[in-house]
N, C-alpha and C. Protein backbone atom coordinates (compact mmCIF):
# COMPACT_ATOMS: atom_id res chain seq x y z
N MET A 1 -59.88 169.16 161.90
CA MET A 1 -59.73 168.12 162.72
C MET A 1 -60.80 167.13 162.57
N ARG A 2 -60.82 165.86 162.45
CA ARG A 2 -61.94 164.68 161.76
C ARG A 2 -61.65 163.42 162.82
N TYR A 3 -62.77 163.43 163.33
CA TYR A 3 -62.42 162.81 164.81
C TYR A 3 -63.39 161.62 164.45
N GLU A 4 -63.59 159.94 164.39
CA GLU A 4 -63.61 158.88 163.86
C GLU A 4 -64.42 157.99 165.59
N ILE A 5 -65.45 157.79 165.55
CA ILE A 5 -65.91 156.87 166.86
C ILE A 5 -66.51 156.01 166.43
N ARG A 6 -66.25 154.71 166.27
CA ARG A 6 -67.10 153.54 165.89
C ARG A 6 -67.95 152.78 167.29
N LEU A 7 -68.74 152.75 166.84
CA LEU A 7 -69.87 151.94 168.14
C LEU A 7 -69.97 150.42 167.70
N SER A 8 -69.89 149.33 168.53
CA SER A 8 -70.38 147.83 167.96
C SER A 8 -70.47 147.09 168.85
N GLY A 9 -71.10 145.78 168.53
CA GLY A 9 -71.76 144.94 169.44
C GLY A 9 -73.01 144.68 168.60
N MET A 10 -73.86 144.09 169.70
CA MET A 10 -75.08 143.65 169.18
C MET A 10 -76.84 144.12 169.04
N GLY A 11 -77.14 143.84 167.89
CA GLY A 11 -78.37 144.40 168.30
C GLY A 11 -79.34 144.34 169.98
N GLY A 12 -79.71 145.10 170.39
CA GLY A 12 -80.49 145.45 172.11
C GLY A 12 -79.81 146.08 172.49
N GLN A 13 -78.17 146.83 172.40
CA GLN A 13 -77.80 147.21 173.55
C GLN A 13 -77.41 148.69 172.73
N GLY A 14 -78.32 148.87 172.47
CA GLY A 14 -78.79 150.42 172.63
C GLY A 14 -76.95 151.38 171.44
N LEU A 15 -76.89 150.76 170.60
CA LEU A 15 -75.99 151.31 170.81
C LEU A 15 -75.86 151.95 169.38
N LEU A 16 -76.75 151.55 168.42
CA LEU A 16 -77.94 152.75 167.22
C LEU A 16 -78.01 154.27 167.61
N LEU A 17 -78.73 154.33 169.12
CA LEU A 17 -79.56 155.17 169.76
C LEU A 17 -78.15 156.09 170.35
N ALA A 18 -76.76 155.37 170.76
CA ALA A 18 -75.81 156.13 171.17
C ALA A 18 -75.35 156.87 170.08
N GLY A 19 -75.18 156.15 169.28
CA GLY A 19 -74.57 157.24 168.17
C GLY A 19 -74.94 157.93 167.39
N ILE A 20 -76.70 158.11 167.55
CA ILE A 20 -77.27 159.16 167.20
C ILE A 20 -76.92 160.24 168.19
N ILE A 21 -77.44 159.40 169.49
CA ILE A 21 -76.95 160.69 170.18
C ILE A 21 -75.25 161.75 170.39
N VAL A 22 -74.66 161.15 170.18
CA VAL A 22 -73.21 161.65 169.95
C VAL A 22 -72.96 162.76 168.49
N ALA A 23 -73.53 162.03 167.73
CA ALA A 23 -73.96 163.05 166.47
C ALA A 23 -74.53 164.36 166.78
N GLU A 24 -75.77 164.51 167.90
CA GLU A 24 -76.62 165.26 167.85
C GLU A 24 -76.16 166.29 168.90
N ALA A 25 -74.95 165.77 169.47
CA ALA A 25 -74.20 166.47 170.65
C ALA A 25 -73.75 167.56 169.44
N ALA A 26 -72.64 166.39 168.52
CA ALA A 26 -71.45 167.05 168.60
C ALA A 26 -72.38 168.48 167.17
N MET A 27 -73.48 167.82 166.79
CA MET A 27 -73.52 169.09 165.86
C MET A 27 -74.45 170.26 166.71
N ALA A 28 -75.09 170.36 168.15
CA ALA A 28 -75.44 170.94 168.52
C ALA A 28 -74.58 172.10 169.04
N GLN A 29 -73.01 171.51 169.48
CA GLN A 29 -71.71 172.71 169.55
C GLN A 29 -71.50 172.97 167.84
N GLY A 30 -71.80 172.78 166.75
CA GLY A 30 -71.47 173.78 165.85
C GLY A 30 -70.53 172.92 164.49
N ARG A 31 -70.60 171.90 164.87
CA ARG A 31 -69.82 170.98 164.36
C ARG A 31 -70.57 170.35 162.83
N ASN A 32 -69.41 169.30 162.57
CA ASN A 32 -70.09 168.83 161.21
C ASN A 32 -69.90 167.36 161.85
N VAL A 33 -71.12 166.64 161.10
CA VAL A 33 -71.32 165.38 161.31
C VAL A 33 -72.11 164.76 160.67
N VAL A 34 -71.65 163.33 160.42
CA VAL A 34 -72.24 161.98 159.77
C VAL A 34 -72.43 161.01 160.90
N GLN A 35 -73.49 160.41 160.68
CA GLN A 35 -73.68 158.86 161.69
C GLN A 35 -74.32 158.24 160.65
N THR A 36 -73.75 156.60 161.00
CA THR A 36 -74.40 155.67 159.90
C THR A 36 -74.29 154.64 160.93
N ALA A 37 -75.19 153.97 160.32
CA ALA A 37 -75.51 152.67 160.99
C ALA A 37 -75.74 151.29 160.61
N SER A 38 -75.45 150.38 161.16
CA SER A 38 -75.50 148.94 160.06
C SER A 38 -76.18 147.76 161.25
N TYR A 39 -76.61 146.80 160.94
CA TYR A 39 -76.99 145.60 161.65
C TYR A 39 -77.73 144.80 160.78
N GLY A 40 -77.72 143.73 161.64
CA GLY A 40 -78.37 142.13 160.86
C GLY A 40 -79.66 142.10 161.38
N PRO A 41 -80.35 141.52 160.25
CA PRO A 41 -81.55 141.44 160.06
C PRO A 41 -82.55 141.06 161.67
N GLU A 42 -81.67 140.29 161.92
CA GLU A 42 -82.18 140.52 163.24
C GLU A 42 -82.64 141.99 164.53
N SER A 43 -83.36 142.31 165.04
CA SER A 43 -83.18 143.21 166.25
C SER A 43 -82.85 142.56 167.37
N ARG A 44 -82.73 141.77 167.92
CA ARG A 44 -82.06 141.68 169.16
C ARG A 44 -80.97 140.46 168.98
N GLY A 45 -79.42 140.91 169.47
CA GLY A 45 -78.89 139.60 169.00
C GLY A 45 -77.75 139.56 167.71
N GLY A 46 -78.12 140.07 166.65
CA GLY A 46 -77.40 140.44 165.61
C GLY A 46 -76.16 141.69 165.84
N ALA A 47 -75.43 141.38 164.79
CA ALA A 47 -74.27 142.33 164.96
C ALA A 47 -74.53 144.07 164.60
N SER A 48 -74.20 144.89 165.60
CA SER A 48 -75.06 145.97 165.10
C SER A 48 -73.37 146.54 165.04
N ARG A 49 -73.81 148.30 164.43
CA ARG A 49 -72.52 149.45 164.52
C ARG A 49 -72.80 150.83 163.92
N SER A 50 -72.30 151.44 164.52
CA SER A 50 -73.13 152.71 164.73
C SER A 50 -71.80 153.75 164.64
N GLU A 51 -71.29 154.50 163.32
CA GLU A 51 -69.96 154.75 163.03
C GLU A 51 -70.39 156.58 163.33
N VAL A 52 -69.68 157.58 164.39
CA VAL A 52 -70.15 159.22 163.77
C VAL A 52 -68.71 159.65 163.77
N ILE A 53 -68.87 160.77 163.00
CA ILE A 53 -67.98 161.42 162.32
C ILE A 53 -67.82 162.83 162.27
N ILE A 54 -67.08 163.38 163.38
CA ILE A 54 -67.48 164.72 163.27
C ILE A 54 -66.24 165.83 163.20
N SER A 55 -66.25 166.63 162.87
CA SER A 55 -65.46 167.20 161.65
C SER A 55 -65.29 168.90 161.98
N ASP A 56 -64.27 169.34 161.64
CA ASP A 56 -64.59 171.21 161.93
C ASP A 56 -64.58 171.39 160.56
N LEU A 57 -64.62 171.10 159.63
CA LEU A 57 -64.76 170.49 158.10
C LEU A 57 -65.74 170.17 157.19
N GLU A 58 -65.98 170.06 155.99
CA GLU A 58 -66.99 169.65 155.40
C GLU A 58 -66.09 168.33 154.96
N ILE A 59 -67.02 167.22 155.53
CA ILE A 59 -67.33 165.52 155.77
C ILE A 59 -67.66 165.01 154.68
N ASP A 60 -65.59 165.41 153.43
CA ASP A 60 -65.70 164.38 152.27
C ASP A 60 -66.48 162.87 151.78
N TYR A 61 -65.42 162.36 152.83
CA TYR A 61 -65.84 160.47 152.84
C TYR A 61 -66.92 160.22 154.00
N PRO A 62 -67.79 159.83 154.00
CA PRO A 62 -69.17 159.74 155.30
C PRO A 62 -68.49 158.27 156.18
N ALA A 63 -67.41 157.56 155.79
CA ALA A 63 -67.50 156.76 156.80
C ALA A 63 -66.13 156.39 157.71
N VAL A 64 -66.38 155.53 158.66
CA VAL A 64 -64.51 155.15 159.70
C VAL A 64 -63.39 155.16 158.56
N ILE A 65 -62.37 155.31 158.48
CA ILE A 65 -60.94 155.33 157.75
C ILE A 65 -60.27 154.10 158.80
N GLU A 66 -60.42 155.34 159.95
CA GLU A 66 -59.55 154.34 160.87
C GLU A 66 -60.29 154.89 162.24
N ALA A 67 -60.47 154.58 163.27
CA ALA A 67 -60.91 154.64 164.20
C ALA A 67 -60.37 155.52 164.89
N ASP A 68 -60.83 156.81 165.49
CA ASP A 68 -59.66 157.60 166.84
C ASP A 68 -60.57 156.78 168.22
N LEU A 69 -61.57 156.78 167.96
CA LEU A 69 -61.75 155.32 169.13
C LEU A 69 -63.12 154.40 169.12
N LEU A 70 -62.79 153.41 169.61
CA LEU A 70 -64.05 152.38 169.00
C LEU A 70 -64.78 151.79 171.39
N PHE A 71 -65.33 151.44 170.64
CA PHE A 71 -66.13 151.35 171.72
C PHE A 71 -66.76 149.88 171.50
N ALA A 72 -66.40 148.81 172.03
CA ALA A 72 -66.81 147.34 171.72
C ALA A 72 -67.72 146.89 173.09
N MET A 73 -68.84 145.77 172.83
CA MET A 73 -70.29 145.47 173.76
C MET A 73 -69.65 144.22 173.56
N THR A 74 -68.72 143.43 172.71
CA THR A 74 -69.21 142.03 171.97
C THR A 74 -67.72 141.75 172.28
N GLN A 75 -67.17 140.31 172.33
CA GLN A 75 -66.15 140.20 171.71
C GLN A 75 -66.08 139.65 170.13
N GLU A 76 -66.96 140.02 169.58
CA GLU A 76 -66.87 139.14 168.09
C GLU A 76 -67.13 141.21 167.97
N ALA A 77 -67.69 142.03 168.19
CA ALA A 77 -66.86 142.72 168.15
C ALA A 77 -66.01 143.92 168.19
N ALA A 78 -65.09 143.36 169.05
CA ALA A 78 -64.06 143.62 169.41
C ALA A 78 -62.77 142.84 168.54
N GLU A 79 -62.99 142.04 168.28
CA GLU A 79 -62.16 140.99 167.31
C GLU A 79 -62.15 141.61 165.85
N ARG A 80 -63.59 141.53 165.52
CA ARG A 80 -63.68 142.28 164.47
C ARG A 80 -62.98 143.99 163.81
N TYR A 81 -62.88 144.52 165.15
CA TYR A 81 -62.65 146.45 164.42
C TYR A 81 -61.61 146.55 165.10
N MET A 82 -60.95 145.88 166.25
CA MET A 82 -59.15 146.59 167.17
C MET A 82 -58.62 146.99 166.20
N ARG A 83 -58.42 146.09 164.56
CA ARG A 83 -57.25 145.89 163.66
C ARG A 83 -57.52 147.47 162.59
N GLU A 84 -58.68 148.54 163.63
CA GLU A 84 -58.82 149.17 162.29
C GLU A 84 -59.29 151.07 163.46
N VAL A 85 -58.07 150.32 164.45
CA VAL A 85 -58.40 151.60 165.57
C VAL A 85 -56.60 152.48 165.14
N LYS A 86 -56.90 153.50 165.15
CA LYS A 86 -55.55 154.55 165.06
C LYS A 86 -54.37 154.23 165.85
N PRO A 87 -53.35 154.13 165.86
CA PRO A 87 -51.94 153.20 166.90
C PRO A 87 -52.23 154.18 167.71
N ALA A 88 -52.47 155.79 167.83
CA ALA A 88 -52.88 156.76 169.01
C ALA A 88 -54.04 156.81 169.18
N GLY A 89 -55.22 155.76 168.90
CA GLY A 89 -56.00 155.80 169.24
C GLY A 89 -56.50 155.29 170.74
N THR A 90 -57.91 155.00 171.07
CA THR A 90 -58.23 154.32 172.23
C THR A 90 -60.02 153.44 171.86
N ALA A 91 -59.32 152.38 173.00
CA ALA A 91 -60.26 151.03 172.59
C ALA A 91 -60.65 151.05 173.96
N ILE A 92 -62.86 150.90 174.10
CA ILE A 92 -63.01 151.08 175.64
C ILE A 92 -63.98 149.49 175.01
N PHE A 93 -63.58 148.66 176.39
CA PHE A 93 -64.24 147.42 175.80
C PHE A 93 -65.05 147.22 177.00
N ASP A 94 -66.90 146.40 177.29
CA ASP A 94 -67.04 146.16 177.62
C ASP A 94 -66.72 144.89 177.82
N SER A 95 -66.32 144.30 179.99
CA SER A 95 -65.65 142.91 179.89
C SER A 95 -66.70 142.14 180.42
N THR A 96 -68.11 142.85 180.32
CA THR A 96 -69.03 141.76 180.36
C THR A 96 -69.18 140.64 179.46
N TRP A 97 -68.90 141.25 178.24
CA TRP A 97 -68.84 140.05 177.47
C TRP A 97 -67.43 140.31 176.64
N VAL A 98 -66.19 141.09 176.54
CA VAL A 98 -65.34 140.92 176.21
C VAL A 98 -64.05 140.55 177.21
N LYS A 99 -63.31 139.10 177.01
CA LYS A 99 -62.85 138.95 178.13
C LYS A 99 -60.96 138.49 177.05
N SER A 100 -61.25 139.28 176.28
CA SER A 100 -59.87 138.98 175.66
C SER A 100 -59.84 140.23 174.74
N ILE A 101 -58.63 141.20 175.18
CA ILE A 101 -58.51 142.17 174.34
C ILE A 101 -57.69 140.92 173.25
N PRO A 102 -58.10 142.01 171.57
CA PRO A 102 -57.69 141.70 170.82
C PRO A 102 -56.40 142.05 170.71
N SER A 103 -55.34 141.72 169.83
CA SER A 103 -54.03 142.45 169.46
C SER A 103 -54.49 143.44 168.47
N GLY A 104 -53.77 144.13 168.53
CA GLY A 104 -53.56 145.46 167.81
C GLY A 104 -52.29 147.06 168.39
N ASP A 105 -51.86 147.88 166.90
CA ASP A 105 -51.48 148.76 167.83
C ASP A 105 -51.58 150.11 167.97
N VAL A 106 -52.50 149.58 169.60
CA VAL A 106 -53.63 150.78 170.03
C VAL A 106 -53.33 151.02 171.26
N ALA A 107 -52.45 152.77 171.39
CA ALA A 107 -52.08 153.12 172.30
C ALA A 107 -52.77 152.88 173.97
N ASN A 108 -54.53 153.30 173.87
CA ASN A 108 -54.78 152.99 174.73
C ASN A 108 -56.12 152.52 175.06
N VAL A 109 -56.03 151.62 175.93
CA VAL A 109 -56.97 150.26 176.39
C VAL A 109 -57.94 150.24 177.41
N TYR A 110 -58.86 150.49 177.37
CA TYR A 110 -59.36 150.68 179.21
C TYR A 110 -60.98 149.49 179.34
N TYR A 111 -61.38 149.15 179.92
CA TYR A 111 -62.30 148.10 179.71
C TYR A 111 -63.16 148.56 181.61
N TYR A 112 -64.28 147.55 181.34
CA TYR A 112 -64.79 148.16 182.55
C TYR A 112 -66.38 146.38 181.71
N PRO A 113 -66.92 145.87 183.39
CA PRO A 113 -68.02 145.62 183.16
C PRO A 113 -69.21 146.18 183.36
N LEU A 114 -69.30 147.03 182.31
CA LEU A 114 -70.32 148.15 182.03
C LEU A 114 -71.74 147.10 182.23
N THR A 115 -72.22 146.28 181.46
CA THR A 115 -73.32 145.43 181.55
C THR A 115 -73.85 145.38 183.01
N GLU A 116 -72.50 144.28 183.01
CA GLU A 116 -72.81 143.93 184.97
C GLU A 116 -73.39 145.04 185.89
N ARG A 117 -72.39 146.02 185.53
CA ARG A 117 -72.47 147.46 186.48
C ARG A 117 -74.48 148.20 186.39
N ALA A 118 -74.74 148.21 185.12
CA ALA A 118 -76.06 148.57 184.64
C ALA A 118 -76.85 147.73 185.39
N ILE A 119 -76.94 146.32 185.35
CA ILE A 119 -77.51 145.29 185.99
C ILE A 119 -77.57 145.77 187.55
N GLU A 120 -76.57 146.17 187.48
CA GLU A 120 -76.74 146.04 189.59
C GLU A 120 -76.83 147.17 190.17
N LYS A 121 -76.61 147.92 189.20
CA LYS A 121 -76.99 149.92 189.98
C LYS A 121 -78.70 150.54 189.05
N TYR A 122 -79.00 149.25 188.37
CA TYR A 122 -79.95 150.18 187.97
C TYR A 122 -80.66 148.78 187.19
N GLN A 123 -80.81 147.77 187.72
CA GLN A 123 -81.56 146.65 187.17
C GLN A 123 -81.72 146.47 185.82
N LYS A 124 -81.20 146.96 184.47
CA LYS A 124 -81.52 146.98 183.41
C LYS A 124 -80.50 147.46 182.57
N PRO A 125 -79.83 146.09 181.27
CA PRO A 125 -78.80 146.20 180.97
C PRO A 125 -78.53 147.53 179.90
N ILE A 126 -79.56 148.09 180.17
CA ILE A 126 -79.39 148.73 177.89
C ILE A 126 -78.87 149.98 179.09
N PHE A 127 -79.29 150.57 180.07
CA PHE A 127 -78.36 151.35 180.80
C PHE A 127 -76.19 151.18 180.42
N ALA A 128 -75.60 150.59 179.98
CA ALA A 128 -74.73 149.35 180.06
C ALA A 128 -73.96 150.59 178.85
N ASN A 129 -74.32 150.94 178.16
CA ASN A 129 -74.43 151.77 176.77
C ASN A 129 -74.46 153.65 176.90
N VAL A 130 -75.20 153.90 178.06
CA VAL A 130 -75.04 154.85 178.88
C VAL A 130 -74.00 155.70 179.71
N ILE A 131 -73.74 154.69 180.61
CA ILE A 131 -72.27 154.94 181.17
C ILE A 131 -70.90 154.57 180.12
N GLY A 132 -71.71 153.48 179.53
CA GLY A 132 -70.51 153.99 178.25
C GLY A 132 -70.45 155.72 177.54
N LEU A 133 -70.67 156.20 177.52
CA LEU A 133 -71.10 157.60 176.71
C LEU A 133 -70.80 158.52 177.72
N GLY A 134 -70.65 158.29 178.93
CA GLY A 134 -70.08 159.18 179.83
C GLY A 134 -68.24 158.85 178.98
N MET A 135 -68.35 157.68 179.41
CA MET A 135 -66.30 156.94 178.90
C MET A 135 -66.19 157.74 178.07
N ILE A 136 -66.69 157.63 176.73
CA ILE A 136 -66.44 157.92 175.47
C ILE A 136 -66.22 159.12 175.20
N CYS A 137 -67.06 160.28 176.11
CA CYS A 137 -67.19 161.61 176.18
C CYS A 137 -66.08 161.95 177.10
N ARG A 138 -65.44 161.38 177.48
CA ARG A 138 -64.27 161.84 178.69
C ARG A 138 -62.77 161.13 177.51
N ALA A 139 -62.96 159.83 177.44
CA ALA A 139 -61.59 159.50 176.55
C ALA A 139 -61.72 160.65 175.32
N SER A 140 -62.39 160.87 174.16
CA SER A 140 -62.64 161.10 173.16
C SER A 140 -62.51 162.38 173.15
N GLY A 141 -63.00 163.52 174.34
CA GLY A 141 -62.83 164.91 174.25
C GLY A 141 -63.34 165.60 173.01
N ALA A 142 -64.18 164.83 171.91
CA ALA A 142 -64.67 165.02 171.18
C ALA A 142 -66.28 166.14 170.66
N VAL A 143 -66.04 165.44 172.28
CA VAL A 143 -67.75 166.38 172.63
C VAL A 143 -68.00 167.04 174.07
N GLU A 144 -68.65 168.31 174.25
CA GLU A 144 -68.89 168.87 175.65
C GLU A 144 -69.83 167.88 176.64
N PRO A 145 -68.93 167.57 177.91
CA PRO A 145 -70.47 167.00 178.41
C PRO A 145 -71.34 167.07 178.66
N SER A 146 -71.68 168.22 178.71
CA SER A 146 -72.97 169.15 179.28
C SER A 146 -74.01 168.94 177.66
N PHE A 147 -73.59 169.06 176.37
CA PHE A 147 -74.71 168.88 174.86
C PHE A 147 -74.53 167.82 174.68
N LEU A 148 -73.68 166.55 175.43
CA LEU A 148 -74.28 164.97 175.56
C LEU A 148 -75.12 164.84 176.30
N GLU A 149 -74.99 165.20 177.29
CA GLU A 149 -75.97 165.40 178.86
C GLU A 149 -77.00 165.48 178.35
N SER A 150 -77.41 166.81 177.42
CA SER A 150 -78.81 167.30 176.92
C SER A 150 -78.87 166.37 175.91
N ALA A 151 -78.52 166.52 175.06
CA ALA A 151 -78.47 165.11 174.15
C ALA A 151 -79.43 163.45 174.06
N LEU A 152 -78.87 163.45 175.52
CA LEU A 152 -79.09 162.28 175.50
C LEU A 152 -80.85 162.53 176.58
N LEU A 153 -80.74 163.16 177.54
CA LEU A 153 -82.20 163.94 177.59
C LEU A 153 -83.35 163.60 177.11
N GLU A 154 -82.65 164.49 176.11
CA GLU A 154 -84.09 164.79 175.02
C GLU A 154 -84.25 163.51 173.87
N ARG A 155 -83.10 162.59 174.15
CA ARG A 155 -83.83 161.49 173.35
C ARG A 155 -84.95 160.30 174.14
N VAL A 156 -84.33 160.32 175.60
CA VAL A 156 -84.95 158.95 176.32
C VAL A 156 -86.87 159.57 176.35
N PRO A 157 -87.23 158.28 176.92
CA PRO A 157 -88.09 159.27 177.52
C PRO A 157 -88.38 160.11 179.18
N LYS A 158 -89.27 160.74 179.89
CA LYS A 158 -89.18 161.22 180.48
C LYS A 158 -88.93 160.45 181.82
N ARG A 159 -90.61 159.56 182.35
CA ARG A 159 -89.29 158.92 183.48
C ARG A 159 -87.86 158.70 183.73
N TYR A 160 -87.64 157.62 182.15
CA TYR A 160 -86.43 157.47 182.71
C TYR A 160 -84.96 158.61 182.48
N GLN A 161 -85.17 159.74 182.07
CA GLN A 161 -84.17 160.95 182.09
C GLN A 161 -83.37 160.57 183.75
N GLU A 162 -83.79 160.74 184.76
CA GLU A 162 -82.98 160.91 185.60
C GLU A 162 -81.73 159.72 185.58
N ALA A 163 -82.22 158.52 185.55
CA ALA A 163 -81.82 156.94 185.88
C ALA A 163 -80.54 157.21 184.33
N ASN A 164 -81.17 157.93 183.85
CA ASN A 164 -79.65 158.04 182.51
C ASN A 164 -78.97 159.04 182.49
N LYS A 165 -79.63 160.22 183.19
CA LYS A 165 -78.10 161.78 183.86
C LYS A 165 -77.13 160.90 184.42
N LEU A 166 -78.29 159.90 185.53
CA LEU A 166 -76.91 159.51 187.08
C LEU A 166 -75.81 157.90 185.74
N ALA A 167 -76.43 157.39 185.22
CA ALA A 167 -75.55 156.57 184.49
C ALA A 167 -74.32 157.22 183.65
N PHE A 168 -75.04 157.92 183.01
CA PHE A 168 -73.60 158.80 181.84
C PHE A 168 -72.71 159.66 183.17
N ASN A 169 -73.42 160.44 184.10
CA ASN A 169 -72.78 161.25 184.49
C ASN A 169 -71.58 159.91 185.87
N LEU A 170 -71.95 158.84 185.90
CA LEU A 170 -71.32 157.75 186.20
C LEU A 170 -70.32 157.18 185.71
N GLY A 171 -70.29 157.73 184.45
CA GLY A 171 -69.77 156.86 183.34
C GLY A 171 -68.33 158.13 183.03
N ILE A 172 -68.31 159.71 182.83
CA ILE A 172 -67.87 159.94 183.18
C ILE A 172 -67.09 160.16 184.78
N GLU A 173 -67.47 159.81 186.13
CA GLU A 173 -66.58 159.76 186.92
C GLU A 173 -66.12 158.46 187.44
N LEU A 174 -66.24 157.35 187.02
CA LEU A 174 -65.38 155.77 186.88
C LEU A 174 -63.69 156.19 185.59
N PHE A 175 -64.45 156.98 184.29
CA PHE A 175 -62.92 156.87 183.47
C PHE A 175 -62.32 158.20 184.44
N ASP A 176 -63.39 159.79 184.84
CA ASP A 176 -62.32 160.96 185.70
C ASP A 176 -61.41 160.11 187.00
N SER A 177 -62.02 158.94 187.48
CA SER A 177 -61.37 158.69 188.56
C SER A 177 -60.37 157.40 188.84
N GLY A 178 -60.07 157.34 187.38
CA GLY A 178 -59.68 155.92 187.32
C GLY A 178 -59.94 154.17 187.53
N ARG A 179 -61.03 154.80 187.88
CA ARG A 179 -61.20 153.71 188.58
C ARG A 179 -62.18 152.36 187.14
N ILE A 180 -61.55 153.07 185.89
CA ILE A 180 -61.56 152.31 184.45
C ILE A 180 -60.82 151.61 183.97
N PHE A 181 -60.79 150.30 183.86
CA PHE A 181 -59.03 149.54 184.04
C PHE A 181 -58.59 149.69 182.91
N ARG A 182 -57.35 149.86 182.83
CA ARG A 182 -56.30 150.05 181.46
C ARG A 182 -55.56 148.46 181.01
N GLY A 183 -55.99 147.99 179.78
CA GLY A 183 -55.37 146.63 179.36
C GLY A 183 -54.77 146.57 178.37
N THR A 184 -54.09 145.87 177.57
CA THR A 184 -52.76 145.71 176.77
C THR A 184 -53.45 144.67 175.89
N PRO A 185 -53.31 145.65 174.50
CA PRO A 185 -53.29 144.75 173.78
C PRO A 185 -52.99 143.05 173.35
N GLY A 186 -53.57 142.02 173.38
CA GLY A 186 -53.68 140.90 173.31
C GLY A 186 -53.80 139.87 174.37
N SER A 187 -53.84 140.69 175.19
CA SER A 187 -53.83 140.05 176.73
C SER A 187 -55.55 139.84 177.03
N PRO A 188 -55.99 138.56 178.28
CA PRO A 188 -56.72 138.72 178.89
C PRO A 188 -57.08 139.32 179.39
N VAL A 189 -58.81 139.49 179.84
CA VAL A 189 -59.31 140.57 180.70
C VAL A 189 -59.21 140.11 182.32
N GLU A 190 -59.19 141.08 182.88
CA GLU A 190 -58.85 140.53 184.04
C GLU A 190 -60.40 140.51 184.77
N ALA A 191 -60.50 139.50 185.88
CA ALA A 191 -61.82 139.85 186.46
C ALA A 191 -61.92 140.54 187.55
N ILE A 192 -62.92 141.15 187.41
CA ILE A 192 -63.03 141.89 188.04
C ILE A 192 -64.53 141.91 189.33
N ALA A 193 -64.44 142.25 190.36
CA ALA A 193 -65.83 142.30 191.35
C ALA A 193 -66.09 143.65 191.12
N LEU A 194 -67.29 143.76 191.40
CA LEU A 194 -67.90 144.85 191.24
C LEU A 194 -68.13 145.78 192.27
N SER A 195 -67.13 144.88 193.57
CA SER A 195 -67.09 145.78 195.00
C SER A 195 -65.67 146.41 194.68
N GLU A 196 -64.83 145.96 193.08
CA GLU A 196 -63.17 146.93 193.19
C GLU A 196 -63.56 147.57 192.07
N ALA A 197 -64.89 147.27 191.18
CA ALA A 197 -64.76 148.55 189.92
C ALA A 197 -65.50 150.00 189.87
């Protein structure tokens, strides 16, 4: 089994750390893992990408060839990487920033106003990536929730651990309850009130 995850957006959204957390959780489960990242020269606002490859076998090529799961937090990232998702794969978009789902042959497309919900619930947009980690956990099935939560809590300052735990579990709950919205490639994202989300 080889499972490829690409997290993409802009600097400051915590995607590089999210990739590291996924990689550490998979390693703790005894899997072979490669995690890579690239970002623009700006620390905030420039393009940012983190890739995680999880495998039961030796990983002979350390880059995403065709993503099983794309997590995109900006319109630019969605448009750039949607075409590189497997037809049977999954794409998850932050509809706070992604307003139109790019065309592509992708079976499972989801969206949710992650940044908006993070601000509303935790007063900080950075928790959007943690809510997203819960969704990634459920959508991929590649990492057990307990390992992912442990890796997350190891990486965040003690004073933010409880909020991160709540945000991670919110992502799982939203996915499990069907409150994450299904989309169609090539269509606009439906406006969603947080009261409905």
